[in-house]
């Protein structure tokens, strides 16, 4: 199993340790990125990726290794501590650059056979909205199945977390790891993903954006062909 991890901060705090609790229960080749160390740019709103092609993004050279890892992975893990009830700015800045990969534009067919996990922690609250920030992009990429792991750890460092909470984290990560292993190589998109894809399939038959329309036509998605088996 190929696994890509994108950490929403450089700091190896509670969220990082929860991610590695999960990784320790999975067998695979792991590629790990840290933000903003491995990507520190903000989207400029130039619309090159939408209108001309993603290769013309001003930040393409920095972005390409992460995109390649996302496409090649069987499992995507996005993690972020809660920053003011949401994901970190650097995580959002990265995901902003992948807007062209959303289903409404030019989704990658590989995404429809992947699993993903979003992970978040906070001393208090905000995990739900933080995980939604990341899960929204995964859904609109077409990722077949996304799991969520969020904990109020009531501490500012992993070492300070109460043993009872650590045991809950251990139990949760074990449960998720078993599901991931069971579905590895067999996961398919759910009805919601298929419904959105069908809507966009109708939209692209008379698409307003030539590059998106050509992409869908080339893959025969405007006909009966689908990115999942």
C-alpha atoms as a PDB file:
ATOM      1  CA  UNK A   1       0.000   0.000   0.000  1.00  0.00           C
ATOM      2  CA  UNK A   2       1.308   3.455  -0.932  1.00  0.00           C
ATOM      3  CA  UNK A   3       0.513   6.095   1.670  1.00  0.00           C
ATOM      4  CA  UNK A   4       0.934   9.853   1.402  1.00  0.00           C
ATOM      5  CA  UNK A   5       0.716  12.024   4.514  1.00  0.00           C
ATOM      6  CA  UNK A   6       0.370  15.799   4.400  1.00  0.00           C
ATOM      7  CA  UNK A   7       0.905  17.395   7.795  1.00  0.00           C
ATOM      8  CA  UNK A   8      -0.748  20.782   8.235  1.00  0.00           C
ATOM      9  CA  UNK A   9       2.147  22.064  10.375  1.00  0.00           C
ATOM     10  CA  UNK A  10       5.889  21.489  10.638  1.00  0.00           C
ATOM     11  CA  UNK A  11       5.524  20.958  14.388  1.00  0.00           C
ATOM     12  CA  UNK A  12       5.270  17.331  15.527  1.00  0.00           C
ATOM     13  CA  UNK A  13       2.540  17.781  18.104  1.00  0.00           C
ATOM     14  CA  UNK A  14      -0.568  15.883  19.141  1.00  0.00           C
ATOM     15  CA  UNK A  15      -2.089  15.690  15.655  1.00  0.00           C
ATOM     16  CA  UNK A  16       1.165  14.355  14.209  1.00  0.00           C
ATOM     17  CA  UNK A  17       1.339  11.689  16.922  1.00  0.00           C
ATOM     18  CA  UNK A  18      -2.276  10.599  16.305  1.00  0.00           C
ATOM     19  CA  UNK A  19      -1.420  10.258  12.609  1.00  0.00           C
ATOM     20  CA  UNK A  20       1.552   8.084  13.457  1.00  0.00           C
ATOM     21  CA  UNK A  21      -0.554   5.962  15.808  1.00  0.00           C
ATOM     22  CA  UNK A  22      -2.549   5.103  12.695  1.00  0.00           C
ATOM     23  CA  UNK A  23       0.505   4.666  10.464  1.00  0.00           C
ATOM     24  CA  UNK A  24       2.021   2.234  12.948  1.00  0.00           C
ATOM     25  CA  UNK A  25      -0.964  -0.044  12.322  1.00  0.00           C
ATOM     26  CA  UNK A  26      -0.662   0.036   8.535  1.00  0.00           C
ATOM     27  CA  UNK A  27       1.840  -1.660   6.258  1.00  0.00           C
ATOM     28  CA  UNK A  28       3.021   0.374   3.338  1.00  0.00           C
ATOM     29  CA  UNK A  29       5.408   2.743   1.673  1.00  0.00           C
ATOM     30  CA  UNK A  30       4.977   6.156   3.317  1.00  0.00           C
ATOM     31  CA  UNK A  31       5.709   9.517   1.732  1.00  0.00           C
ATOM     32  CA  UNK A  32       5.330  12.419   4.132  1.00  0.00           C
ATOM     33  CA  UNK A  33       5.102  16.173   3.578  1.00  0.00           C
ATOM     34  CA  UNK A  34       5.128  18.996   6.122  1.00  0.00           C
ATOM     35  CA  UNK A  35       3.533  22.399   5.612  1.00  0.00           C
ATOM     36  CA  UNK A  36       4.728  25.047   5.091  1.00  0.00           C
ATOM     37  CA  UNK A  37       8.213  23.483   4.788  1.00  0.00           C
ATOM     38  CA  UNK A  38       7.324  21.509   1.662  1.00  0.00           C
ATOM     39  CA  UNK A  39       4.887  24.011   0.180  1.00  0.00           C
ATOM     40  CA  UNK A  40       4.644  27.622   1.273  1.00  0.00           C
ATOM     41  CA  UNK A  41       2.806  29.468  -1.499  1.00  0.00           C
ATOM     42  CA  UNK A  42      -0.598  31.117  -1.622  1.00  0.00           C
ATOM     43  CA  UNK A  43      -2.825  30.787  -4.680  1.00  0.00           C
ATOM     44  CA  UNK A  44      -2.581  34.001  -6.723  1.00  0.00           C
ATOM     45  CA  UNK A  45      -6.005  33.646  -8.326  1.00  0.00           C
ATOM     46  CA  UNK A  46      -4.496  33.801 -11.837  1.00  0.00           C
ATOM     47  CA  UNK A  47      -6.937  31.067 -13.050  1.00  0.00           C
ATOM     48  CA  UNK A  48      -4.232  29.535 -15.266  1.00  0.00           C
ATOM     49  CA  UNK A  49      -4.982  26.067 -13.877  1.00  0.00           C
ATOM     50  CA  UNK A  50      -8.668  26.388 -14.760  1.00  0.00           C
ATOM     51  CA  UNK A  51      -8.429  28.088 -18.150  1.00  0.00           C
ATOM     52  CA  UNK A  52      -5.045  27.084 -19.599  1.00  0.00           C
ATOM     53  CA  UNK A  53      -3.769  24.048 -17.683  1.00  0.00           C
ATOM     54  CA  UNK A  54      -2.280  23.219 -14.309  1.00  0.00           C
ATOM     55  CA  UNK A  55       1.231  23.121 -15.791  1.00  0.00           C
ATOM     56  CA  UNK A  56       1.049  26.934 -16.038  1.00  0.00           C
ATOM     57  CA  UNK A  57       0.516  27.450 -12.303  1.00  0.00           C
ATOM     58  CA  UNK A  58       3.253  29.874 -11.107  1.00  0.00           C
ATOM     59  CA  UNK A  59       3.993  27.437  -8.258  1.00  0.00           C
ATOM     60  CA  UNK A  60       4.025  24.302 -10.397  1.00  0.00           C
ATOM     61  CA  UNK A  61       7.567  23.178  -9.568  1.00  0.00           C
ATOM     62  CA  UNK A  62       6.833  23.170  -5.825  1.00  0.00           C
ATOM     63  CA  UNK A  63       3.390  21.669  -6.258  1.00  0.00           C
ATOM     64  CA  UNK A  64       4.250  18.830  -8.628  1.00  0.00           C
ATOM     65  CA  UNK A  65       5.897  16.409  -6.128  1.00  0.00           C
ATOM     66  CA  UNK A  66       2.857  16.617  -3.840  1.00  0.00           C
ATOM     67  CA  UNK A  67       0.391  16.150  -6.691  1.00  0.00           C
ATOM     68  CA  UNK A  68       2.371  13.157  -7.981  1.00  0.00           C
ATOM     69  CA  UNK A  69       2.342  11.571  -4.518  1.00  0.00           C
ATOM     70  CA  UNK A  70      -1.426  12.124  -4.173  1.00  0.00           C
ATOM     71  CA  UNK A  71      -2.121  10.462  -7.515  1.00  0.00           C
ATOM     72  CA  UNK A  72       0.172   7.489  -6.851  1.00  0.00           C
ATOM     73  CA  UNK A  73      -1.030   6.811  -3.292  1.00  0.00           C
ATOM     74  CA  UNK A  74      -3.595   4.201  -2.305  1.00  0.00           C
ATOM     75  CA  UNK A  75      -4.250   6.053   0.950  1.00  0.00           C
ATOM     76  CA  UNK A  76      -4.199   9.810   1.516  1.00  0.00           C
ATOM     77  CA  UNK A  77      -3.864  11.195   5.036  1.00  0.00           C
ATOM     78  CA  UNK A  78      -4.397  14.899   5.675  1.00  0.00           C
ATOM     79  CA  UNK A  79      -3.873  16.136   9.211  1.00  0.00           C
ATOM     80  CA  UNK A  80      -4.131  19.514  10.856  1.00  0.00           C
ATOM     81  CA  UNK A  81      -4.412  20.849  14.376  1.00  0.00           C
ATOM     82  CA  UNK A  82      -7.328  23.210  14.901  1.00  0.00           C
ATOM     83  CA  UNK A  83      -6.473  26.838  14.204  1.00  0.00           C
ATOM     84  CA  UNK A  84      -9.371  29.155  15.115  1.00  0.00           C
ATOM     85  CA  UNK A  85     -11.902  26.371  14.476  1.00  0.00           C
ATOM     86  CA  UNK A  86     -10.462  25.449  11.059  1.00  0.00           C
ATOM     87  CA  UNK A  87      -7.516  23.800   9.342  1.00  0.00           C
ATOM     88  CA  UNK A  88      -4.211  25.648   9.259  1.00  0.00           C
ATOM     89  CA  UNK A  89      -3.746  28.393   6.688  1.00  0.00           C
ATOM     90  CA  UNK A  90      -0.958  26.446   5.006  1.00  0.00           C
ATOM     91  CA  UNK A  91      -3.184  23.391   4.559  1.00  0.00           C
ATOM     92  CA  UNK A  92      -5.896  25.562   3.041  1.00  0.00           C
ATOM     93  CA  UNK A  93      -3.319  27.291   0.812  1.00  0.00           C
ATOM     94  CA  UNK A  94      -2.161  23.924  -0.517  1.00  0.00           C
ATOM     95  CA  UNK A  95      -5.686  22.646  -1.170  1.00  0.00           C
ATOM     96  CA  UNK A  96      -6.549  25.913  -2.942  1.00  0.00           C
ATOM     97  CA  UNK A  97      -3.981  24.963  -5.595  1.00  0.00           C
ATOM     98  CA  UNK A  98      -5.846  21.744  -6.385  1.00  0.00           C
ATOM     99  CA  UNK A  99      -9.168  23.339  -7.277  1.00  0.00           C
ATOM    100  CA  UNK A 100      -8.736  22.292 -10.904  1.00  0.00           C
ATOM    101  CA  UNK A 101      -8.785  18.635  -9.750  1.00  0.00           C
ATOM    102  CA  UNK A 102     -12.307  18.926  -8.368  1.00  0.00           C
ATOM    103  CA  UNK A 103     -14.981  16.868 -10.104  1.00  0.00           C
ATOM    104  CA  UNK A 104     -16.550  19.934 -11.682  1.00  0.00           C
ATOM    105  CA  UNK A 105     -13.291  20.540 -13.579  1.00  0.00           C
ATOM    106  CA  UNK A 106     -10.682  17.828 -14.276  1.00  0.00           C
ATOM    107  CA  UNK A 107     -10.674  15.127 -11.594  1.00  0.00           C
ATOM    108  CA  UNK A 108      -7.983  12.463 -11.732  1.00  0.00           C
ATOM    109  CA  UNK A 109      -9.439   9.028 -12.444  1.00  0.00           C
ATOM    110  CA  UNK A 110      -7.079   7.485  -9.879  1.00  0.00           C
ATOM    111  CA  UNK A 111      -8.852   9.325  -7.067  1.00  0.00           C
ATOM    112  CA  UNK A 112     -12.017   7.279  -7.415  1.00  0.00           C
ATOM    113  CA  UNK A 113     -10.327   4.128  -6.106  1.00  0.00           C
ATOM    114  CA  UNK A 114      -8.577   5.674  -3.102  1.00  0.00           C
ATOM    115  CA  UNK A 115      -9.194   5.795   0.635  1.00  0.00           C
ATOM    116  CA  UNK A 116      -8.365   8.787   2.790  1.00  0.00           C
ATOM    117  CA  UNK A 117      -8.231   9.857   6.428  1.00  0.00           C
ATOM    118  CA  UNK A 118      -8.540  13.344   7.865  1.00  0.00           C
ATOM    119  CA  UNK A 119      -7.099  13.801  11.333  1.00  0.00           C
ATOM    120  CA  UNK A 120      -7.376  16.714  13.728  1.00  0.00           C
ATOM    121  CA  UNK A 121      -6.878  17.551  17.366  1.00  0.00           C
ATOM    122  CA  UNK A 122      -7.300  20.532  19.645  1.00  0.00           C
ATOM    123  CA  UNK A 123      -6.945  21.287  23.309  1.00  0.00           C
ATOM    124  CA  UNK A 124     -10.630  22.187  23.270  1.00  0.00           C
ATOM    125  CA  UNK A 125     -12.956  22.210  20.257  1.00  0.00           C
ATOM    126  CA  UNK A 126     -13.184  22.790  16.512  1.00  0.00           C
ATOM    127  CA  UNK A 127     -12.197  19.373  15.164  1.00  0.00           C
ATOM    128  CA  UNK A 128     -15.419  18.955  13.162  1.00  0.00           C
ATOM    129  CA  UNK A 129     -14.994  22.130  11.125  1.00  0.00           C
ATOM    130  CA  UNK A 130     -11.251  21.547  10.794  1.00  0.00           C
ATOM    131  CA  UNK A 131     -11.760  18.061   9.378  1.00  0.00           C
ATOM    132  CA  UNK A 132     -14.490  19.333   7.056  1.00  0.00           C
ATOM    133  CA  UNK A 133     -12.017  21.782   5.503  1.00  0.00           C
ATOM    134  CA  UNK A 134      -9.882  18.835   4.419  1.00  0.00           C
ATOM    135  CA  UNK A 135     -12.633  16.293   3.749  1.00  0.00           C
ATOM    136  CA  UNK A 136     -14.447  18.647   1.350  1.00  0.00           C
ATOM    137  CA  UNK A 137     -11.481  18.653  -1.018  1.00  0.00           C
ATOM    138  CA  UNK A 138     -11.085  14.886  -0.798  1.00  0.00           C
ATOM    139  CA  UNK A 139     -14.754  14.366  -1.631  1.00  0.00           C
ATOM    140  CA  UNK A 140     -14.634  16.695  -4.630  1.00  0.00           C
ATOM    141  CA  UNK A 141     -11.399  15.048  -5.802  1.00  0.00           C
ATOM    142  CA  UNK A 142     -13.559  11.931  -6.079  1.00  0.00           C
ATOM    143  CA  UNK A 143     -11.880   9.958  -3.276  1.00  0.00           C
ATOM    144  CA  UNK A 144     -14.009   6.878  -2.715  1.00  0.00           C
ATOM    145  CA  UNK A 145     -13.912   6.658   1.078  1.00  0.00           C
ATOM    146  CA  UNK A 146     -12.791   9.138   3.736  1.00  0.00           C
ATOM    147  CA  UNK A 147     -12.498   8.378   7.459  1.00  0.00           C
ATOM    148  CA  UNK A 148     -12.295  10.987  10.218  1.00  0.00           C
ATOM    149  CA  UNK A 149     -10.306  10.980  13.443  1.00  0.00           C
ATOM    150  CA  UNK A 150     -10.739  14.011  15.685  1.00  0.00           C
ATOM    151  CA  UNK A 151      -9.954  14.419  19.375  1.00  0.00           C
ATOM    152  CA  UNK A 152     -10.114  17.106  22.021  1.00  0.00           C
ATOM    153  CA  UNK A 153      -6.898  16.140  23.778  1.00  0.00           C
ATOM    154  CA  UNK A 154      -7.187  18.696  26.616  1.00  0.00           C
ATOM    155  CA  UNK A 155      -3.463  19.345  26.431  1.00  0.00           C
ATOM    156  CA  UNK A 156      -0.941  21.454  24.523  1.00  0.00           C
ATOM    157  CA  UNK A 157       1.493  18.598  23.884  1.00  0.00           C
ATOM    158  CA  UNK A 158       1.170  14.876  23.268  1.00  0.00           C
ATOM    159  CA  UNK A 159       3.105  13.991  26.426  1.00  0.00           C
ATOM    160  CA  UNK A 160       0.522  15.834  28.527  1.00  0.00           C
ATOM    161  CA  UNK A 161      -2.494  13.931  27.164  1.00  0.00           C
ATOM    162  CA  UNK A 162      -4.351  11.885  29.761  1.00  0.00           C
ATOM    163  CA  UNK A 163      -3.836   8.117  29.475  1.00  0.00           C
ATOM    164  CA  UNK A 164      -7.590   7.531  29.066  1.00  0.00           C
ATOM    165  CA  UNK A 165      -7.655   9.759  25.996  1.00  0.00           C
ATOM    166  CA  UNK A 166      -4.578   8.036  24.577  1.00  0.00           C
ATOM    167  CA  UNK A 167      -6.331   4.692  24.963  1.00  0.00           C
ATOM    168  CA  UNK A 168      -9.336   6.052  23.053  1.00  0.00           C
ATOM    169  CA  UNK A 169      -6.995   7.214  20.295  1.00  0.00           C
ATOM    170  CA  UNK A 170      -5.358   3.778  20.232  1.00  0.00           C
ATOM    171  CA  UNK A 171      -8.754   2.087  19.932  1.00  0.00           C
ATOM    172  CA  UNK A 172      -9.982   4.449  17.210  1.00  0.00           C
ATOM    173  CA  UNK A 173      -6.844   4.199  15.073  1.00  0.00           C
ATOM    174  CA  UNK A 174      -6.928   0.403  15.348  1.00  0.00           C
ATOM    175  CA  UNK A 175     -10.562   0.351  14.186  1.00  0.00           C
ATOM    176  CA  UNK A 176      -9.834   2.635  11.221  1.00  0.00           C
ATOM    177  CA  UNK A 177      -6.697   0.697  10.255  1.00  0.00           C
ATOM    178  CA  UNK A 178      -8.696  -2.527  10.063  1.00  0.00           C
ATOM    179  CA  UNK A 179     -11.265  -0.883   7.782  1.00  0.00           C
ATOM    180  CA  UNK A 180      -8.529   0.516   5.536  1.00  0.00           C
ATOM    181  CA  UNK A 181      -6.800  -2.849   5.251  1.00  0.00           C
ATOM    182  CA  UNK A 182     -10.086  -4.632   4.558  1.00  0.00           C
ATOM    183  CA  UNK A 183     -11.046  -2.225   1.757  1.00  0.00           C
ATOM    184  CA  UNK A 184      -7.572  -1.899   0.257  1.00  0.00           C
ATOM    185  CA  UNK A 185      -7.810  -2.503  -3.485  1.00  0.00           C
ATOM    186  CA  UNK A 186     -11.592  -2.953  -3.341  1.00  0.00           C
ATOM    187  CA  UNK A 187     -12.988   0.465  -2.450  1.00  0.00           C
ATOM    188  CA  UNK A 188     -15.548   2.105  -4.739  1.00  0.00           C
ATOM    189  CA  UNK A 189     -17.266   5.518  -4.620  1.00  0.00           C
ATOM    190  CA  UNK A 190     -20.556   5.823  -2.769  1.00  0.00           C
ATOM    191  CA  UNK A 191     -23.881   7.041  -4.125  1.00  0.00           C
ATOM    192  CA  UNK A 192     -23.200  10.680  -3.217  1.00  0.00           C
ATOM    193  CA  UNK A 193     -19.980  10.758  -5.242  1.00  0.00           C
ATOM    194  CA  UNK A 194     -21.669   9.036  -8.176  1.00  0.00           C
ATOM    195  CA  UNK A 195     -24.574  11.494  -8.045  1.00  0.00           C
ATOM    196  CA  UNK A 196     -22.244  14.495  -8.136  1.00  0.00           C
ATOM    197  CA  UNK A 197     -20.238  12.916 -10.939  1.00  0.00           C
ATOM    198  CA  UNK A 198     -23.428  12.329 -12.933  1.00  0.00           C
ATOM    199  CA  UNK A 199     -24.434  15.971 -12.506  1.00  0.00           C
ATOM    200  CA  UNK A 200     -21.026  17.182 -13.670  1.00  0.00           C
ATOM    201  CA  UNK A 201     -21.157  14.681 -16.540  1.00  0.00           C
ATOM    202  CA  UNK A 202     -24.320  16.427 -17.757  1.00  0.00           C
ATOM    203  CA  UNK A 203     -22.710  19.818 -17.220  1.00  0.00           C
ATOM    204  CA  UNK A 204     -19.623  18.938 -19.264  1.00  0.00           C
ATOM    205  CA  UNK A 205     -21.649  17.789 -22.271  1.00  0.00           C
ATOM    206  CA  UNK A 206     -22.123  21.482 -22.979  1.00  0.00           C
ATOM    207  CA  UNK A 207     -19.299  22.741 -20.799  1.00  0.00           C
ATOM    208  CA  UNK A 208     -18.433  26.443 -20.715  1.00  0.00           C
ATOM    209  CA  UNK A 209     -14.708  25.834 -20.208  1.00  0.00           C
ATOM    210  CA  UNK A 210     -13.051  24.258 -23.293  1.00  0.00           C
ATOM    211  CA  UNK A 211     -10.145  22.663 -21.406  1.00  0.00           C
ATOM    212  CA  UNK A 212     -12.515  20.907 -18.972  1.00  0.00           C
ATOM    213  CA  UNK A 213     -14.886  19.839 -21.740  1.00  0.00           C
ATOM    214  CA  UNK A 214     -12.039  18.418 -23.851  1.00  0.00           C
ATOM    215  CA  UNK A 215     -10.721  16.540 -20.810  1.00  0.00           C
ATOM    216  CA  UNK A 216     -14.078  14.883 -20.125  1.00  0.00           C
ATOM    217  CA  UNK A 217     -14.620  14.067 -23.794  1.00  0.00           C
ATOM    218  CA  UNK A 218     -11.148  12.547 -24.149  1.00  0.00           C
ATOM    219  CA  UNK A 219     -11.828  10.215 -21.208  1.00  0.00           C
ATOM    220  CA  UNK A 220     -15.328   9.499 -22.586  1.00  0.00           C
ATOM    221  CA  UNK A 221     -16.897  10.545 -19.286  1.00  0.00           C
ATOM    222  CA  UNK A 222     -19.512  12.578 -21.148  1.00  0.00           C
ATOM    223  CA  UNK A 223     -20.715   9.226 -22.483  1.00  0.00           C
ATOM    224  CA  UNK A 224     -21.138   6.053 -20.432  1.00  0.00           C
ATOM    225  CA  UNK A 225     -17.556   5.551 -19.308  1.00  0.00           C
ATOM    226  CA  UNK A 226     -16.785   6.160 -15.619  1.00  0.00           C
ATOM    227  CA  UNK A 227     -13.522   6.501 -13.654  1.00  0.00           C
ATOM    228  CA  UNK A 228     -14.439   3.588 -11.389  1.00  0.00           C
ATOM    229  CA  UNK A 229     -14.801  -0.054 -12.403  1.00  0.00           C
END
